[in-house]
C-alpha atoms as a PDB file:
ATOM      1  CA  UNK A   1      29.236  47.430   2.478  1.00  0.00           C
ATOM      2  CA  UNK A   2      26.605  50.023   3.086  1.00  0.00           C
ATOM      3  CA  UNK A   3      23.453  49.146   5.009  1.00  0.00           C
ATOM      4  CA  UNK A   4      21.060  50.405   2.259  1.00  0.00           C
ATOM      5  CA  UNK A   5      19.183  47.731   0.374  1.00  0.00           C
ATOM      6  CA  UNK A   6      20.910  44.630  -0.912  1.00  0.00           C
ATOM      7  CA  UNK A   7      23.991  46.477  -2.384  1.00  0.00           C
ATOM      8  CA  UNK A   8      25.217  43.300  -4.066  1.00  0.00           C
ATOM      9  CA  UNK A   9      25.109  41.117  -0.956  1.00  0.00           C
ATOM     10  CA  UNK A  10      23.586  38.248  -2.858  1.00  0.00           C
ATOM     11  CA  UNK A  11      26.349  38.440  -5.482  1.00  0.00           C
ATOM     12  CA  UNK A  12      28.993  38.434  -2.798  1.00  0.00           C
ATOM     13  CA  UNK A  13      27.446  35.433  -0.983  1.00  0.00           C
ATOM     14  CA  UNK A  14      27.162  33.552  -4.322  1.00  0.00           C
ATOM     15  CA  UNK A  15      30.841  34.244  -4.978  1.00  0.00           C
ATOM     16  CA  UNK A  16      31.926  33.044  -1.479  1.00  0.00           C
ATOM     17  CA  UNK A  17      29.818  29.898  -1.806  1.00  0.00           C
ATOM     18  CA  UNK A  18      31.142  29.021  -5.205  1.00  0.00           C
ATOM     19  CA  UNK A  19      34.842  29.866  -4.596  1.00  0.00           C
ATOM     20  CA  UNK A  20      35.580  29.262  -0.928  1.00  0.00           C
ATOM     21  CA  UNK A  21      36.800  25.640  -1.170  1.00  0.00           C
ATOM     22  CA  UNK A  22      39.252  26.354  -3.998  1.00  0.00           C
ATOM     23  CA  UNK A  23      40.492  29.418  -2.242  1.00  0.00           C
ATOM     24  CA  UNK A  24      40.912  27.544   1.043  1.00  0.00           C
ATOM     25  CA  UNK A  25      42.994  24.880  -0.742  1.00  0.00           C
ATOM     26  CA  UNK A  26      45.218  27.567  -2.224  1.00  0.00           C
ATOM     27  CA  UNK A  27      45.612  29.259   1.154  1.00  0.00           C
ATOM     28  CA  UNK A  28      46.505  25.911   2.721  1.00  0.00           C
ATOM     29  CA  UNK A  29      49.167  25.284   0.061  1.00  0.00           C
ATOM     30  CA  UNK A  30      50.673  28.657   0.644  1.00  0.00           C
ATOM     31  CA  UNK A  31      50.944  28.540   4.350  1.00  0.00           C
ATOM     32  CA  UNK A  32      50.894  24.798   5.094  1.00  0.00           C
ATOM     33  CA  UNK A  33      48.588  25.023   8.140  1.00  0.00           C
ATOM     34  CA  UNK A  34      44.829  24.524   7.906  1.00  0.00           C
ATOM     35  CA  UNK A  35      44.017  26.888  10.815  1.00  0.00           C
ATOM     36  CA  UNK A  36      46.233  29.626   9.465  1.00  0.00           C
ATOM     37  CA  UNK A  37      44.780  29.116   5.929  1.00  0.00           C
ATOM     38  CA  UNK A  38      41.236  29.494   7.380  1.00  0.00           C
ATOM     39  CA  UNK A  39      42.222  32.700   9.109  1.00  0.00           C
ATOM     40  CA  UNK A  40      43.927  34.051   5.966  1.00  0.00           C
ATOM     41  CA  UNK A  41      40.850  33.249   3.831  1.00  0.00           C
ATOM     42  CA  UNK A  42      38.541  34.841   6.375  1.00  0.00           C
ATOM     43  CA  UNK A  43      40.552  38.027   6.405  1.00  0.00           C
ATOM     44  CA  UNK A  44      40.717  38.027   2.624  1.00  0.00           C
ATOM     45  CA  UNK A  45      36.927  37.571   2.272  1.00  0.00           C
ATOM     46  CA  UNK A  46      36.393  40.406   4.717  1.00  0.00           C
ATOM     47  CA  UNK A  47      38.649  42.646   2.699  1.00  0.00           C
ATOM     48  CA  UNK A  48      36.705  41.634  -0.396  1.00  0.00           C
ATOM     49  CA  UNK A  49      33.378  42.359   1.266  1.00  0.00           C
ATOM     50  CA  UNK A  50      34.561  45.918   2.100  1.00  0.00           C
ATOM     51  CA  UNK A  51      35.527  46.470  -1.536  1.00  0.00           C
ATOM     52  CA  UNK A  52      32.881  44.308  -3.173  1.00  0.00           C
ATOM     53  CA  UNK A  53      31.099  47.189  -5.027  1.00  0.00           C
ATOM     54  CA  UNK A  54      34.354  48.101  -6.907  1.00  0.00           C
ATOM     55  CA  UNK A  55      35.667  44.590  -7.397  1.00  0.00           C
ATOM     56  CA  UNK A  56      32.564  42.613  -8.375  1.00  0.00           C
ATOM     57  CA  UNK A  57      32.706  43.796 -12.005  1.00  0.00           C
ATOM     58  CA  UNK A  58      36.199  42.441 -12.510  1.00  0.00           C
ATOM     59  CA  UNK A  59      37.710  39.239 -11.216  1.00  0.00           C
ATOM     60  CA  UNK A  60      37.011  38.870  -7.553  1.00  0.00           C
ATOM     61  CA  UNK A  61      38.842  35.527  -7.333  1.00  0.00           C
ATOM     62  CA  UNK A  62      42.036  37.115  -8.543  1.00  0.00           C
ATOM     63  CA  UNK A  63      41.585  39.922  -6.009  1.00  0.00           C
ATOM     64  CA  UNK A  64      41.150  37.412  -3.162  1.00  0.00           C
ATOM     65  CA  UNK A  65      44.118  35.344  -4.287  1.00  0.00           C
ATOM     66  CA  UNK A  66      46.252  38.529  -4.299  1.00  0.00           C
ATOM     67  CA  UNK A  67      45.184  39.239  -0.786  1.00  0.00           C
ATOM     68  CA  UNK A  68      45.858  35.613   0.298  1.00  0.00           C
ATOM     69  CA  UNK A  69      49.405  35.559  -1.072  1.00  0.00           C
ATOM     70  CA  UNK A  70      50.388  38.983   0.159  1.00  0.00           C
ATOM     71  CA  UNK A  71      48.920  38.427   3.637  1.00  0.00           C
ATOM     72  CA  UNK A  72      50.681  35.028   3.913  1.00  0.00           C
ATOM     73  CA  UNK A  73      54.023  36.711   3.106  1.00  0.00           C
ATOM     74  CA  UNK A  74      53.311  39.444   5.615  1.00  0.00           C
ATOM     75  CA  UNK A  75      52.250  36.913   8.289  1.00  0.00           C
ATOM     76  CA  UNK A  76      55.497  34.934   7.688  1.00  0.00           C
ATOM     77  CA  UNK A  77      57.676  37.992   8.040  1.00  0.00           C
ATOM     78  CA  UNK A  78      56.017  39.030  11.290  1.00  0.00           C
ATOM     79  CA  UNK A  79      56.113  35.537  12.910  1.00  0.00           C
ATOM     80  CA  UNK A  80      59.338  34.098  11.487  1.00  0.00           C
ATOM     81  CA  UNK A  81      60.722  31.709  14.063  1.00  0.00           C
ATOM     82  CA  UNK A  82      62.881  28.696  14.189  1.00  0.00           C
ATOM     83  CA  UNK A  83      61.205  25.615  15.549  1.00  0.00           C
ATOM     84  CA  UNK A  84      63.596  23.330  17.472  1.00  0.00           C
ATOM     85  CA  UNK A  85      62.919  19.758  18.244  1.00  0.00           C
ATOM     86  CA  UNK A  86      64.710  17.255  20.593  1.00  0.00           C
ATOM     87  CA  UNK A  87      64.143  14.361  18.268  1.00  0.00           C
ATOM     88  CA  UNK A  88      63.940  14.074  14.458  1.00  0.00           C
ATOM     89  CA  UNK A  89      60.468  13.692  12.984  1.00  0.00           C
ATOM     90  CA  UNK A  90      59.009  10.222  12.646  1.00  0.00           C
ATOM     91  CA  UNK A  91      59.640   8.241   9.469  1.00  0.00           C
ATOM     92  CA  UNK A  92      56.997   8.184   6.769  1.00  0.00           C
ATOM     93  CA  UNK A  93      55.140   4.957   6.114  1.00  0.00           C
ATOM     94  CA  UNK A  94      55.906   2.953   2.874  1.00  0.00           C
ATOM     95  CA  UNK A  95      53.000   4.429   1.030  1.00  0.00           C
ATOM     96  CA  UNK A  96      54.810   5.923  -2.028  1.00  0.00           C
ATOM     97  CA  UNK A  97      52.244   8.523  -2.962  1.00  0.00           C
ATOM     98  CA  UNK A  98      51.696   9.578   0.661  1.00  0.00           C
ATOM     99  CA  UNK A  99      55.527   9.824   1.076  1.00  0.00           C
ATOM    100  CA  UNK A 100      55.769  11.991  -2.065  1.00  0.00           C
ATOM    101  CA  UNK A 101      52.980  14.283  -0.788  1.00  0.00           C
ATOM    102  CA  UNK A 102      54.825  14.640   2.563  1.00  0.00           C
ATOM    103  CA  UNK A 103      58.103  15.218   0.787  1.00  0.00           C
ATOM    104  CA  UNK A 104      56.552  17.916  -1.323  1.00  0.00           C
ATOM    105  CA  UNK A 105      54.874  19.541   1.650  1.00  0.00           C
ATOM    106  CA  UNK A 106      58.120  19.565   3.571  1.00  0.00           C
ATOM    107  CA  UNK A 107      60.075  20.890   0.539  1.00  0.00           C
ATOM    108  CA  UNK A 108      57.581  23.618  -0.028  1.00  0.00           C
ATOM    109  CA  UNK A 109      57.954  24.561   3.643  1.00  0.00           C
ATOM    110  CA  UNK A 110      61.640  25.199   3.045  1.00  0.00           C
ATOM    111  CA  UNK A 111      60.957  27.788   0.426  1.00  0.00           C
ATOM    112  CA  UNK A 112      60.620  31.504   1.057  1.00  0.00           C
ATOM    113  CA  UNK A 113      56.983  32.643   0.921  1.00  0.00           C
ATOM    114  CA  UNK A 114      57.316  34.439  -2.400  1.00  0.00           C
ATOM    115  CA  UNK A 115      58.819  31.410  -4.116  1.00  0.00           C
ATOM    116  CA  UNK A 116      56.146  29.179  -2.629  1.00  0.00           C
ATOM    117  CA  UNK A 117      53.490  31.552  -3.784  1.00  0.00           C
ATOM    118  CA  UNK A 118      54.841  31.619  -7.305  1.00  0.00           C
ATOM    119  CA  UNK A 119      54.951  27.754  -7.448  1.00  0.00           C
ATOM    120  CA  UNK A 120      51.414  27.467  -6.129  1.00  0.00           C
ATOM    121  CA  UNK A 121      50.053  30.048  -8.488  1.00  0.00           C
ATOM    122  CA  UNK A 122      51.940  28.667 -11.579  1.00  0.00           C
ATOM    123  CA  UNK A 123      51.600  24.908 -11.071  1.00  0.00           C
ATOM    124  CA  UNK A 124      48.661  24.371  -8.700  1.00  0.00           C
ATOM    125  CA  UNK A 125      46.408  27.298  -9.758  1.00  0.00           C
ATOM    126  CA  UNK A 126      47.725  26.852 -13.316  1.00  0.00           C
ATOM    127  CA  UNK A 127      47.998  30.594 -13.893  1.00  0.00           C
ATOM    128  CA  UNK A 128      50.133  32.102 -16.647  1.00  0.00           C
ATOM    129  CA  UNK A 129      53.276  34.055 -15.779  1.00  0.00           C
ATOM    130  CA  UNK A 130      51.411  37.241 -16.502  1.00  0.00           C
ATOM    131  CA  UNK A 131      48.469  36.315 -14.247  1.00  0.00           C
ATOM    132  CA  UNK A 132      50.866  35.239 -11.496  1.00  0.00           C
ATOM    133  CA  UNK A 133      52.714  38.517 -11.720  1.00  0.00           C
ATOM    134  CA  UNK A 134      49.435  40.480 -11.486  1.00  0.00           C
ATOM    135  CA  UNK A 135      48.272  38.416  -8.538  1.00  0.00           C
ATOM    136  CA  UNK A 136      51.518  38.985  -6.665  1.00  0.00           C
ATOM    137  CA  UNK A 137      51.935  42.628  -7.787  1.00  0.00           C
ATOM    138  CA  UNK A 138      55.414  41.904  -9.344  1.00  0.00           C
ATOM    139  CA  UNK A 139      56.871  41.838 -12.825  1.00  0.00           C
ATOM    140  CA  UNK A 140      56.807  38.833 -15.153  1.00  0.00           C
ATOM    141  CA  UNK A 141      60.614  38.738 -14.930  1.00  0.00           C
ATOM    142  CA  UNK A 142      60.358  38.406 -11.143  1.00  0.00           C
ATOM    143  CA  UNK A 143      57.887  35.529 -11.526  1.00  0.00           C
ATOM    144  CA  UNK A 144      60.268  33.736 -13.902  1.00  0.00           C
ATOM    145  CA  UNK A 145      63.351  34.211 -11.667  1.00  0.00           C
ATOM    146  CA  UNK A 146      61.455  33.269  -8.456  1.00  0.00           C
ATOM    147  CA  UNK A 147      60.065  30.161 -10.215  1.00  0.00           C
ATOM    148  CA  UNK A 148      63.462  29.167 -11.472  1.00  0.00           C
ATOM    149  CA  UNK A 149      65.020  29.651  -8.075  1.00  0.00           C
ATOM    150  CA  UNK A 150      62.159  27.741  -6.328  1.00  0.00           C
ATOM    151  CA  UNK A 151      62.438  24.720  -8.704  1.00  0.00           C
ATOM    152  CA  UNK A 152      66.296  24.682  -8.243  1.00  0.00           C
ATOM    153  CA  UNK A 153      65.787  24.750  -4.476  1.00  0.00           C
ATOM    154  CA  UNK A 154      63.213  21.915  -4.637  1.00  0.00           C
ATOM    155  CA  UNK A 155      65.644  19.834  -6.631  1.00  0.00           C
ATOM    156  CA  UNK A 156      68.259  20.413  -3.967  1.00  0.00           C
ATOM    157  CA  UNK A 157      66.161  19.654  -0.875  1.00  0.00           C
ATOM    158  CA  UNK A 158      64.090  16.840  -2.403  1.00  0.00           C
ATOM    159  CA  UNK A 159      65.802  15.147  -5.387  1.00  0.00           C
ATOM    160  CA  UNK A 160      63.378  12.263  -5.158  1.00  0.00           C
ATOM    161  CA  UNK A 161      60.641  14.560  -6.487  1.00  0.00           C
ATOM    162  CA  UNK A 162      62.549  14.992  -9.818  1.00  0.00           C
ATOM    163  CA  UNK A 163      61.694  11.520 -11.064  1.00  0.00           C
ATOM    164  CA  UNK A 164      59.011   8.890 -10.553  1.00  0.00           C
ATOM    165  CA  UNK A 165      60.967   6.071  -9.068  1.00  0.00           C
ATOM    166  CA  UNK A 166      58.289   3.669  -7.949  1.00  0.00           C
ATOM    167  CA  UNK A 167      59.438   0.120  -7.291  1.00  0.00           C
ATOM    168  CA  UNK A 168      59.371  -2.019 -10.483  1.00  0.00           C
ATOM    169  CA  UNK A 169      59.222   1.006 -12.836  1.00  0.00           C
ATOM    170  CA  UNK A 170      61.823   3.097 -14.556  1.00  0.00           C
ATOM    171  CA  UNK A 171      61.754   6.869 -14.538  1.00  0.00           C
ATOM    172  CA  UNK A 172      58.473   8.164 -15.912  1.00  0.00           C
ATOM    173  CA  UNK A 173      58.231   9.883 -19.198  1.00  0.00           C
ATOM    174  CA  UNK A 174      55.977  12.504 -17.774  1.00  0.00           C
ATOM    175  CA  UNK A 175      57.596  15.881 -17.153  1.00  0.00           C
ATOM    176  CA  UNK A 176      56.613  16.991 -13.573  1.00  0.00           C
ATOM    177  CA  UNK A 177      58.139  20.427 -13.928  1.00  0.00           C
ATOM    178  CA  UNK A 178      61.140  19.756 -11.718  1.00  0.00           C
ATOM    179  CA  UNK A 179      63.371  18.765 -14.617  1.00  0.00           C
ATOM    180  CA  UNK A 180      63.125  22.204 -16.276  1.00  0.00           C
ATOM    181  CA  UNK A 181      66.400  24.214 -16.403  1.00  0.00           C
ATOM    182  CA  UNK A 182      68.438  21.840 -14.228  1.00  0.00           C
END
């Protein structure tokens, strides 16, 4: 941003104030770590600030989401490591909803970054296949195939997510998206 006058600074600040929490949640879902999500968002907002004059007329939120997802994949590729542990992780408490959240978090962590990004954009951000493809810079066919592969992988690593099996209840009639194309 140039130092002359306001140059849209107020618009940029208003955008950041109104969108930062939703973008931070999306970043967290993509990378699974609050501190890394904050860093990703900060870097994305810096990149947005540098291009604000050309982006502000369009959809700045989509621009930031694209930066978030691409930077998350790049970060993962640079720092891909295997984390070894001497003991298995502790068992989850009997809170069913908390257990499902932890199971989903763990299952998402087992997906490659692009598949994770597709699921977050499609089902958390509720974007269309076309909007997801634009955000990730890929074709709609790639979004479809990555989504299909990611859902198949989630069913493999966490079959308990495929149905609502709370004690005292049968399987729910609600489609949670994991039953598609079994």
